[in-house]
Amino acid sequence: MSQNHRRKTRRRRQSLRRKFRNLRGHSLHTHTRPGTLIAPVDAKPTHLRVTGYGPQRMVDRSDATLKDVAATLGKHPVTWIDATGLADLEMIAALGQQLNLHPLALEDLVNLPQRSKIEAYPNHLYCVVQMPPLKDQVRASQLSLFLGRDFVLSWREAQSDRFQVVRKRMEVASGVTRSSGGDYLLYALLDAAIDGYFPVLERFIDDLDDFDEQVETAPDALLLSRIHDVRRDVRRLRRIVWPVREAIDSLMRQEDWPITAETRIHLRDCHDHVVQIIDTLESVRDACADLRDFYATSLGNRTNETMRVLTVIATLFMPLSFIAGVYGMNFDPDVSRWNMPELGWRFGYPLVLAVMAAVTAGQLWFFRSKGWLGRPRRRRRRRRVQDE
C-alpha cells in the first residue's frame, strides 16, 4: 500500500469520525421532546445588542437585556437584535417566547452544526448559513437569522466584528439600510457573512503562488504535504459554501414571506458572489492537482538529472580504470620484450596521465555535444542564399 493511499485512508477515517461525533451531538435530541434546547459543549457566553432604527432616528444598546429588547420592539420600524453565544439557554428560550419564535427553529439554533437552509414559519422566516472563520483556518461557524414583521434576530456562536460594516452603513441616516425594511437588513447580514469567504480565497491563492515558486526551485516532501493540506481545506470549504448557494436561491424564490423586489435584486447579487466563490474554489482545487502533478514531474526530472550525472561520472572512470588495470598487472619486462616495455620509459608515467586526461576530455566533449551533460550545443547551419 502506497503512502498516498494510506494518507487518504487515514483522512477518510478522520472525516467519518467527525461526522459520527456530529451525529452523536444530534442524538442528544433523540429521546427528548421536539423543541428541547441543549447547549453545545463549547458554547460561549450569551450577549445581546439591540438596535432600533428608521429613517428618522436610531437607538443602539450594547450589553442589552430582555427588558431592553421589550422596550425597543414596536418603537421603531425595524429592531435588530444581534446575539452572540449559546450558553444561556434560559435567555434563548425567553427571547424566543418574546419574539414568538417556533420551538423547532430554536432547537436548530443551538443544535450545531446545521446545513445552510431557509425555513418559513407562520410568524417568522428562519435562515441558517455557515460563516468562514476570522482566523487563519478553515472551520465554519454558524449564523442563524430570524426575520419577523418588524425585527431581525441574528445569532452567532461567538463575538466578532463581522457585522461592523453593516453598523457603519446603518449610522448614515440617508442610507438605504435606514430607509428599508427588515428584509434588506437580512440581505446585508448575509452579504457581510459571505464576504468573509474572500480573505480565505486570497490566502489560498497566495499559497498557490508560493507553491508555484517552490515547486520549480526546491520541491520537497513538506511542500507536497502543504499542497495536500490546501486541497483538503478547499474541498471542506466547498462543501460548506455549496448549501449557502442553495439557501440564497431558496430565499430569492420565497413566496411565503414578503421580500421586496429591490431586496431580491440584491440577493441575486449575493447569489452571484457565492457562485464566484464556488468557481474560485474549483479553480484552486484544479490548480492544486496540477501543482501535485508538476511536483511529481519536477522531482522525477531532478532524480533523472542526478542519475545522469552519476552515470556520466561512472562512464568517465571506466576507460581510466581499464588503463590503470592494464598497467597494474605488473608483467616483468625483463622476461619478454612484449611485457610492457613502456614501464621502463623515462616519461612513461606522464604519458599515461596525458592519455587518461585526453580520454576524459574526449568523453566530456562527446557527452556535451550529445546533450547528456549540461546544455546541448546548437549546431550552426549555414544557409545558402541563392540569388535569383
Protein backbone atom coordinates (compact mmCIF):
# COMPACT_ATOMS: atom_id res chain seq x y z
CA MET A 1 0.00 0.00 0.00
CA SER A 2 1.48 3.35 -1.06
CA GLN A 3 1.98 6.25 1.30
CA ASN A 4 -0.58 8.43 -0.54
CA HIS A 5 -3.19 5.68 -0.29
CA ARG A 6 -2.56 5.29 3.44
CA ARG A 7 -2.84 9.06 3.88
CA LYS A 8 -6.16 9.17 2.02
CA THR A 9 -7.49 6.24 4.05
CA ARG A 10 -6.49 7.91 7.31
CA ARG A 11 -8.16 11.19 6.32
CA ARG A 12 -11.29 9.32 5.28
CA ARG A 13 -11.45 7.67 8.71
CA GLN A 14 -10.96 11.05 10.40
CA SER A 15 -13.80 12.53 8.34
CA LEU A 16 -16.06 9.63 9.32
CA ARG A 17 -15.16 10.15 12.99
CA ARG A 18 -16.07 13.86 12.75
CA LYS A 19 -19.40 13.01 11.15
CA PHE A 20 -20.05 10.39 13.82
CA ARG A 21 -19.30 12.91 16.57
CA ASN A 22 -21.74 15.32 14.93
CA LEU A 23 -24.35 12.56 14.83
CA ARG A 24 -23.73 11.88 18.50
CA GLY A 25 -24.33 15.56 19.18
CA HIS A 26 -27.61 15.38 17.27
CA SER A 27 -28.54 12.18 19.05
CA LEU A 28 -28.80 14.11 22.31
CA HIS A 29 -32.15 15.29 20.95
CA THR A 30 -33.33 11.80 20.02
CA HIS A 31 -35.08 10.91 23.27
CA THR A 32 -36.25 14.43 24.10
CA ARG A 33 -39.35 16.37 23.22
CA PRO A 34 -39.11 18.33 19.94
CA GLY A 35 -38.02 21.87 20.65
CA THR A 36 -35.86 20.96 23.65
CA LEU A 37 -32.82 23.23 23.95
CA ILE A 38 -29.45 21.65 24.72
CA ALA A 39 -26.42 23.93 24.73
CA PRO A 40 -23.30 22.95 22.75
CA VAL A 41 -20.34 21.68 24.71
CA ASP A 42 -18.07 24.65 23.94
CA ALA A 43 -20.79 27.32 23.98
CA LYS A 44 -19.66 30.90 24.58
CA PRO A 45 -21.40 33.32 27.00
CA THR A 46 -24.53 34.93 25.62
CA HIS A 47 -24.58 38.67 24.87
CA LEU A 48 -27.30 40.83 23.34
CA ARG A 49 -27.14 44.08 21.42
CA VAL A 50 -30.36 45.80 20.39
CA THR A 51 -30.62 48.41 17.65
CA GLY A 52 -33.88 50.09 16.70
CA TYR A 53 -33.79 52.25 13.60
CA GLY A 54 -35.82 54.02 10.99
CA PRO A 55 -35.42 56.91 8.56
CA GLN A 56 -35.63 59.49 11.35
CA ARG A 57 -33.65 58.08 14.27
CA MET A 58 -31.66 55.12 15.58
CA VAL A 59 -31.23 53.73 19.10
CA ASP A 60 -28.37 51.34 19.90
CA ARG A 61 -27.97 49.45 23.20
CA SER A 62 -24.96 47.22 23.77
CA ASP A 63 -24.92 44.62 26.58
CA ALA A 64 -28.70 44.68 26.41
CA THR A 65 -31.16 42.63 28.44
CA LEU A 66 -34.54 41.17 27.67
CA LYS A 67 -36.12 44.32 29.11
CA ASP A 68 -34.20 46.42 26.60
CA VAL A 69 -35.49 44.19 23.83
CA ALA A 70 -39.06 44.60 25.04
CA ALA A 71 -38.59 48.37 25.32
CA THR A 72 -37.27 48.63 21.75
CA LEU A 73 -39.68 46.30 19.94
CA GLY A 74 -42.54 48.13 18.27
CA LYS A 75 -41.00 51.57 18.84
CA HIS A 76 -39.09 51.58 15.54
CA PRO A 77 -39.81 50.36 12.02
CA VAL A 78 -37.07 47.72 12.37
CA THR A 79 -35.46 46.26 15.50
CA TRP A 80 -32.21 44.39 15.10
CA ILE A 81 -31.28 42.01 17.93
CA ASP A 82 -27.67 40.91 17.47
CA ALA A 83 -26.94 37.98 19.80
CA THR A 84 -23.73 36.02 20.31
CA GLY A 85 -23.02 32.89 22.34
CA LEU A 86 -25.30 29.92 23.04
CA ALA A 87 -24.55 29.20 26.70
CA ASP A 88 -27.58 30.92 28.27
CA LEU A 89 -30.48 28.64 27.34
CA GLU A 90 -32.90 30.50 29.61
CA MET A 91 -32.28 33.74 27.74
CA ILE A 92 -32.66 31.94 24.41
CA ALA A 93 -35.99 30.42 25.46
CA ALA A 94 -37.24 33.71 26.93
CA LEU A 95 -36.26 35.64 23.80
CA GLY A 96 -37.96 33.01 21.68
CA GLN A 97 -41.20 33.47 23.64
CA GLN A 98 -40.89 37.24 23.45
CA LEU A 99 -40.46 37.19 19.66
CA ASN A 100 -42.87 34.27 19.18
CA LEU A 101 -40.22 32.08 17.55
CA HIS A 102 -41.01 28.50 16.65
CA PRO A 103 -39.53 25.90 19.07
CA LEU A 104 -38.08 23.84 16.23
CA ALA A 105 -36.23 26.89 14.93
CA LEU A 106 -34.79 27.49 18.40
CA GLU A 107 -33.73 23.85 18.53
CA ASP A 108 -31.87 24.26 15.23
CA LEU A 109 -30.30 27.42 16.65
CA VAL A 110 -28.46 25.56 19.43
CA ASN A 111 -28.03 22.22 17.64
CA LEU A 112 -24.72 22.70 15.82
CA PRO A 113 -23.86 22.34 13.05
CA GLN A 114 -26.83 22.86 10.75
CA ARG A 115 -26.82 22.70 6.98
CA SER A 116 -27.40 26.09 5.36
CA LYS A 117 -31.11 26.37 4.68
CA ILE A 118 -34.24 28.56 4.63
CA GLU A 119 -37.38 27.63 6.56
CA ALA A 120 -40.62 29.60 6.65
CA TYR A 121 -42.71 29.57 9.84
CA PRO A 122 -46.06 31.30 10.46
CA ASN A 123 -44.55 34.21 12.40
CA HIS A 124 -41.04 34.46 11.02
CA LEU A 125 -38.53 33.30 8.45
CA TYR A 126 -35.55 31.24 9.63
CA CYS A 127 -32.24 31.27 7.76
CA VAL A 128 -29.05 29.35 8.58
CA VAL A 129 -25.71 29.88 6.83
CA GLN A 130 -22.18 28.81 7.62
CA MET A 131 -19.62 31.60 8.00
CA PRO A 132 -15.87 31.20 7.49
CA PRO A 133 -13.66 31.92 10.50
CA LEU A 134 -11.77 35.14 11.02
CA LYS A 135 -8.57 33.30 11.95
CA ASP A 136 -6.17 31.55 9.62
CA GLN A 137 -8.01 28.25 9.45
CA VAL A 138 -10.95 26.68 7.69
CA ARG A 139 -13.61 25.91 10.29
CA ALA A 140 -17.06 27.30 9.69
CA SER A 141 -19.22 28.92 12.34
CA GLN A 142 -23.00 29.04 12.23
CA LEU A 143 -25.06 32.17 11.66
CA SER A 144 -28.79 31.99 12.39
CA LEU A 145 -31.11 34.73 11.15
CA PHE A 146 -34.76 35.26 12.09
CA LEU A 147 -36.84 37.67 10.01
CA GLY A 148 -40.08 38.87 11.60
CA ARG A 149 -42.61 41.54 10.75
CA ASP A 150 -40.66 44.32 12.45
CA PHE A 151 -37.49 42.65 13.72
CA VAL A 152 -34.38 40.78 12.64
CA LEU A 153 -32.62 38.45 15.07
CA SER A 154 -29.05 37.42 14.22
CA TRP A 155 -27.31 34.81 16.35
CA ARG A 156 -23.64 33.88 16.10
CA GLU A 157 -21.58 31.36 18.02
CA ALA A 158 -19.09 33.95 19.31
CA GLN A 159 -18.44 37.68 19.24
CA SER A 160 -16.63 39.20 16.26
CA ASP A 161 -16.59 42.36 14.17
CA ARG A 162 -18.15 40.60 11.19
CA PHE A 163 -21.14 42.96 11.08
CA GLN A 164 -19.24 46.16 11.77
CA VAL A 165 -19.59 47.23 8.14
CA VAL A 166 -23.37 46.85 8.40
CA ARG A 167 -23.47 49.05 11.50
CA LYS A 168 -21.42 51.75 9.81
CA ARG A 169 -23.85 51.87 6.91
CA MET A 170 -26.74 51.90 9.36
CA GLU A 171 -25.36 55.03 11.05
CA VAL A 172 -25.88 57.01 7.84
CA ALA A 173 -29.38 58.48 8.15
CA SER A 174 -29.78 58.87 4.39
CA GLY A 175 -28.54 55.36 3.64
CA VAL A 176 -30.52 52.55 2.09
CA THR A 177 -30.45 50.46 5.27
CA ARG A 178 -32.24 53.09 7.37
CA SER A 179 -34.96 53.58 4.77
CA SER A 180 -35.52 49.88 4.06
CA GLY A 181 -37.25 47.11 5.96
CA GLY A 182 -36.01 44.07 7.78
CA ASP A 183 -35.66 42.04 4.59
CA TYR A 184 -32.92 44.39 3.40
CA LEU A 185 -31.13 44.03 6.74
CA LEU A 186 -31.34 40.26 6.30
CA TYR A 187 -29.64 40.64 2.92
CA ALA A 188 -26.97 42.96 4.37
CA LEU A 189 -26.10 40.44 7.09
CA LEU A 190 -25.94 37.59 4.57
CA ASP A 191 -23.73 39.67 2.30
CA ALA A 192 -21.36 40.50 5.18
CA ALA A 193 -21.15 36.83 6.10
CA ILE A 194 -20.43 35.77 2.51
CA ASP A 195 -17.78 38.48 2.08
CA GLY A 196 -15.84 36.73 4.82
CA TYR A 197 -15.02 33.94 2.37
CA PHE A 198 -12.95 36.18 0.10
CA PRO A 199 -9.99 36.62 2.53
CA VAL A 200 -9.83 32.83 2.79
CA LEU A 201 -9.74 32.59 -1.01
CA GLU A 202 -6.96 35.19 -1.14
CA ARG A 203 -4.97 33.10 1.33
CA PHE A 204 -5.41 30.04 -0.88
CA ILE A 205 -4.25 31.99 -3.95
CA ASP A 206 -1.21 33.35 -2.09
CA ASP A 207 -0.33 29.82 -1.04
CA LEU A 208 -0.59 28.66 -4.65
CA ASP A 209 1.80 31.42 -5.74
CA ASP A 210 4.31 30.31 -3.12
CA PHE A 211 3.89 26.68 -4.12
CA ASP A 212 4.40 27.54 -7.79
CA GLU A 213 7.77 29.12 -7.00
CA GLN A 214 8.92 26.39 -4.63
CA VAL A 215 7.95 23.50 -6.87
CA GLU A 216 10.38 24.81 -9.51
CA THR A 217 13.26 25.66 -7.19
CA ALA A 218 13.11 23.36 -4.15
CA PRO A 219 10.46 20.62 -4.30
CA ASP A 220 10.42 18.54 -1.14
CA ALA A 221 8.08 16.36 0.92
CA LEU A 222 7.00 19.31 3.08
CA LEU A 223 5.81 21.20 0.00
CA LEU A 224 3.76 18.21 -1.14
CA SER A 225 2.18 17.98 2.32
CA ARG A 226 1.24 21.68 2.20
CA ILE A 227 -0.35 21.22 -1.22
CA HIS A 228 -2.42 18.34 0.16
CA ASP A 229 -3.47 20.47 3.15
CA VAL A 230 -4.66 23.32 0.93
CA ARG A 231 -6.56 20.94 -1.33
CA ARG A 232 -8.21 19.33 1.70
CA ASP A 233 -9.23 22.75 3.06
CA VAL A 234 -10.61 23.73 -0.35
CA ARG A 235 -12.76 20.59 -0.50
CA ARG A 236 -14.01 21.21 3.02
CA LEU A 237 -14.82 24.85 2.29
CA ARG A 238 -16.61 23.93 -0.92
CA ARG A 239 -18.85 21.52 0.99
CA ILE A 240 -19.70 24.44 3.29
CA VAL A 241 -20.35 27.03 0.56
CA TRP A 242 -22.45 24.85 -1.73
CA PRO A 243 -25.52 24.73 0.58
CA VAL A 244 -25.24 28.51 1.06
CA ARG A 245 -25.93 28.94 -2.64
CA GLU A 246 -28.98 26.72 -2.37
CA ALA A 247 -30.21 28.66 0.69
CA ILE A 248 -29.93 32.04 -1.05
CA ASP A 249 -31.60 30.63 -4.15
CA SER A 250 -34.46 29.39 -1.96
CA LEU A 251 -34.67 32.80 -0.28
CA MET A 252 -34.98 34.55 -3.65
CA ARG A 253 -37.86 32.24 -4.58
CA GLN A 254 -39.53 32.64 -1.19
CA GLU A 255 -43.26 33.29 -1.57
CA ASP A 256 -44.49 32.59 1.97
CA TRP A 257 -42.76 35.68 3.34
CA PRO A 258 -42.81 39.23 1.92
CA ILE A 259 -39.49 40.23 0.39
CA THR A 260 -39.39 43.37 -1.73
CA ALA A 261 -38.32 43.35 -5.36
CA GLU A 262 -35.35 45.60 -4.55
CA THR A 263 -34.11 43.16 -1.91
CA ARG A 264 -34.48 40.26 -4.36
CA ILE A 265 -32.18 42.12 -6.77
CA HIS A 266 -29.57 42.47 -4.03
CA LEU A 267 -30.00 38.80 -3.11
CA ARG A 268 -29.32 37.91 -6.72
CA ASP A 269 -26.02 39.78 -6.50
CA CYS A 270 -25.29 37.91 -3.27
CA HIS A 271 -26.04 34.65 -5.08
CA ASP A 272 -23.57 35.63 -7.80
CA HIS A 273 -20.90 36.15 -5.15
CA VAL A 274 -21.45 32.64 -3.83
CA VAL A 275 -21.23 31.20 -7.35
CA GLN A 276 -17.99 33.13 -7.85
CA ILE A 277 -16.62 31.70 -4.61
CA ILE A 278 -17.51 28.16 -5.69
CA ASP A 279 -15.89 28.67 -9.10
CA THR A 280 -12.75 30.03 -7.46
CA LEU A 281 -12.60 27.07 -5.10
CA GLU A 282 -12.87 24.67 -8.02
CA SER A 283 -10.09 26.54 -9.82
CA VAL A 284 -7.90 26.37 -6.72
CA ARG A 285 -8.62 22.66 -6.38
CA ASP A 286 -7.62 22.06 -10.02
CA ALA A 287 -4.50 24.19 -9.52
CA CYS A 288 -3.54 22.06 -6.52
CA ALA A 289 -3.91 18.93 -8.64
CA ASP A 290 -1.74 20.49 -11.37
CA LEU A 291 0.88 21.50 -8.80
CA ARG A 292 0.92 17.99 -7.43
CA ASP A 293 1.49 16.56 -10.90
CA PHE A 294 4.13 19.18 -11.62
CA TYR A 295 5.80 18.34 -8.31
CA ALA A 296 6.00 14.68 -9.28
CA THR A 297 7.36 15.60 -12.71
CA SER A 298 9.90 18.03 -11.26
CA LEU A 299 11.03 15.51 -8.68
CA GLY A 300 11.36 12.86 -11.37
CA ASN A 301 13.37 15.23 -13.54
CA ARG A 302 15.71 16.04 -10.68
CA THR A 303 16.15 12.34 -9.99
CA ASN A 304 16.87 11.69 -13.65
CA GLU A 305 19.37 14.56 -13.70
CA THR A 306 21.15 13.12 -10.67
CA MET A 307 21.24 9.65 -12.20
CA ARG A 308 22.55 11.09 -15.46
CA VAL A 309 25.40 12.91 -13.71
CA LEU A 310 26.29 9.78 -11.74
CA THR A 311 26.19 7.71 -14.92
CA VAL A 312 28.46 10.19 -16.71
CA ILE A 313 30.93 10.11 -13.81
CA ALA A 314 30.93 6.31 -13.78
CA THR A 315 31.39 6.25 -17.56
CA LEU A 316 34.33 8.64 -17.31
CA PHE A 317 36.12 6.33 -14.93
CA MET A 318 35.54 3.18 -16.98
CA PRO A 319 38.40 3.74 -19.51
CA LEU A 320 40.59 5.19 -16.77
CA SER A 321 40.03 2.07 -14.69
CA PHE A 322 40.82 -0.06 -17.73
CA ILE A 323 44.11 1.76 -18.35
CA ALA A 324 45.05 1.63 -14.67
CA GLY A 325 44.11 -2.06 -14.57
CA VAL A 326 46.24 -2.89 -17.59
CA TYR A 327 49.31 -1.22 -16.15
CA GLY A 328 48.58 -2.68 -12.75
CA MET A 329 49.20 -6.26 -13.94
CA ASN A 330 52.95 -5.77 -13.32
CA PHE A 331 54.36 -8.08 -16.03
CA ASP A 332 58.14 -8.23 -15.84
CA PRO A 333 59.65 -6.55 -18.94
CA ASP A 334 62.93 -8.44 -18.40
CA VAL A 335 61.24 -11.78 -19.15
CA SER A 336 59.89 -10.70 -22.53
CA ARG A 337 60.24 -7.63 -24.64
CA TRP A 338 56.46 -7.64 -25.05
CA ASN A 339 55.81 -7.29 -21.30
CA MET A 340 55.09 -3.56 -21.04
CA PRO A 341 58.38 -2.09 -22.20
CA GLU A 342 56.91 1.41 -21.61
CA LEU A 343 57.26 0.79 -17.87
CA GLY A 344 60.94 1.46 -18.33
CA TRP A 345 60.45 4.63 -20.31
CA ARG A 346 61.62 7.86 -18.76
CA PHE A 347 58.34 9.68 -19.44
CA GLY A 348 56.04 6.64 -19.26
CA TYR A 349 54.09 7.79 -16.21
CA PRO A 350 53.39 11.35 -17.51
CA LEU A 351 52.43 9.85 -20.85
CA VAL A 352 49.83 7.56 -19.25
CA LEU A 353 48.41 10.51 -17.31
CA ALA A 354 48.23 12.53 -20.51
CA VAL A 355 46.41 9.70 -22.26
CA MET A 356 43.95 9.48 -19.37
CA ALA A 357 43.35 13.23 -19.50
CA ALA A 358 42.85 13.12 -23.27
CA VAL A 359 40.38 10.25 -22.98
CA THR A 360 38.46 12.11 -20.27
CA ALA A 361 38.39 15.34 -22.28
CA GLY A 362 37.20 13.46 -25.34
CA GLN A 363 34.41 11.82 -23.39
CA LEU A 364 33.32 15.14 -21.88
CA TRP A 365 33.22 16.73 -25.32
CA PHE A 366 31.21 13.83 -26.70
CA PHE A 367 28.71 13.87 -23.80
CA ARG A 368 28.25 17.60 -24.06
CA SER A 369 27.77 17.52 -27.82
CA LYS A 370 25.06 14.89 -27.37
CA GLY A 371 23.33 16.92 -24.67
CA TRP A 372 23.97 14.35 -21.96
CA LEU A 373 25.98 16.79 -19.85
CA GLY A 374 24.92 20.41 -19.48
CA ARG A 375 23.15 22.17 -22.32
CA PRO A 376 23.47 20.70 -25.80
CA ARG A 377 25.35 22.69 -28.37
CA ARG A 378 23.37 24.24 -31.11
CA ARG A 379 24.68 23.30 -34.46
CA ARG A 380 25.19 26.24 -36.67
CA ARG A 381 23.79 25.61 -40.02
CA ARG A 382 24.82 27.78 -42.84
CA ARG A 383 22.02 28.62 -45.16
CA ARG A 384 22.94 29.17 -48.73
CA VAL A 385 21.21 32.08 -50.29
CA GLN A 386 20.68 31.67 -53.97
CA ASP A 387 20.46 34.82 -55.98
CA GLU A 388 17.66 34.86 -58.38
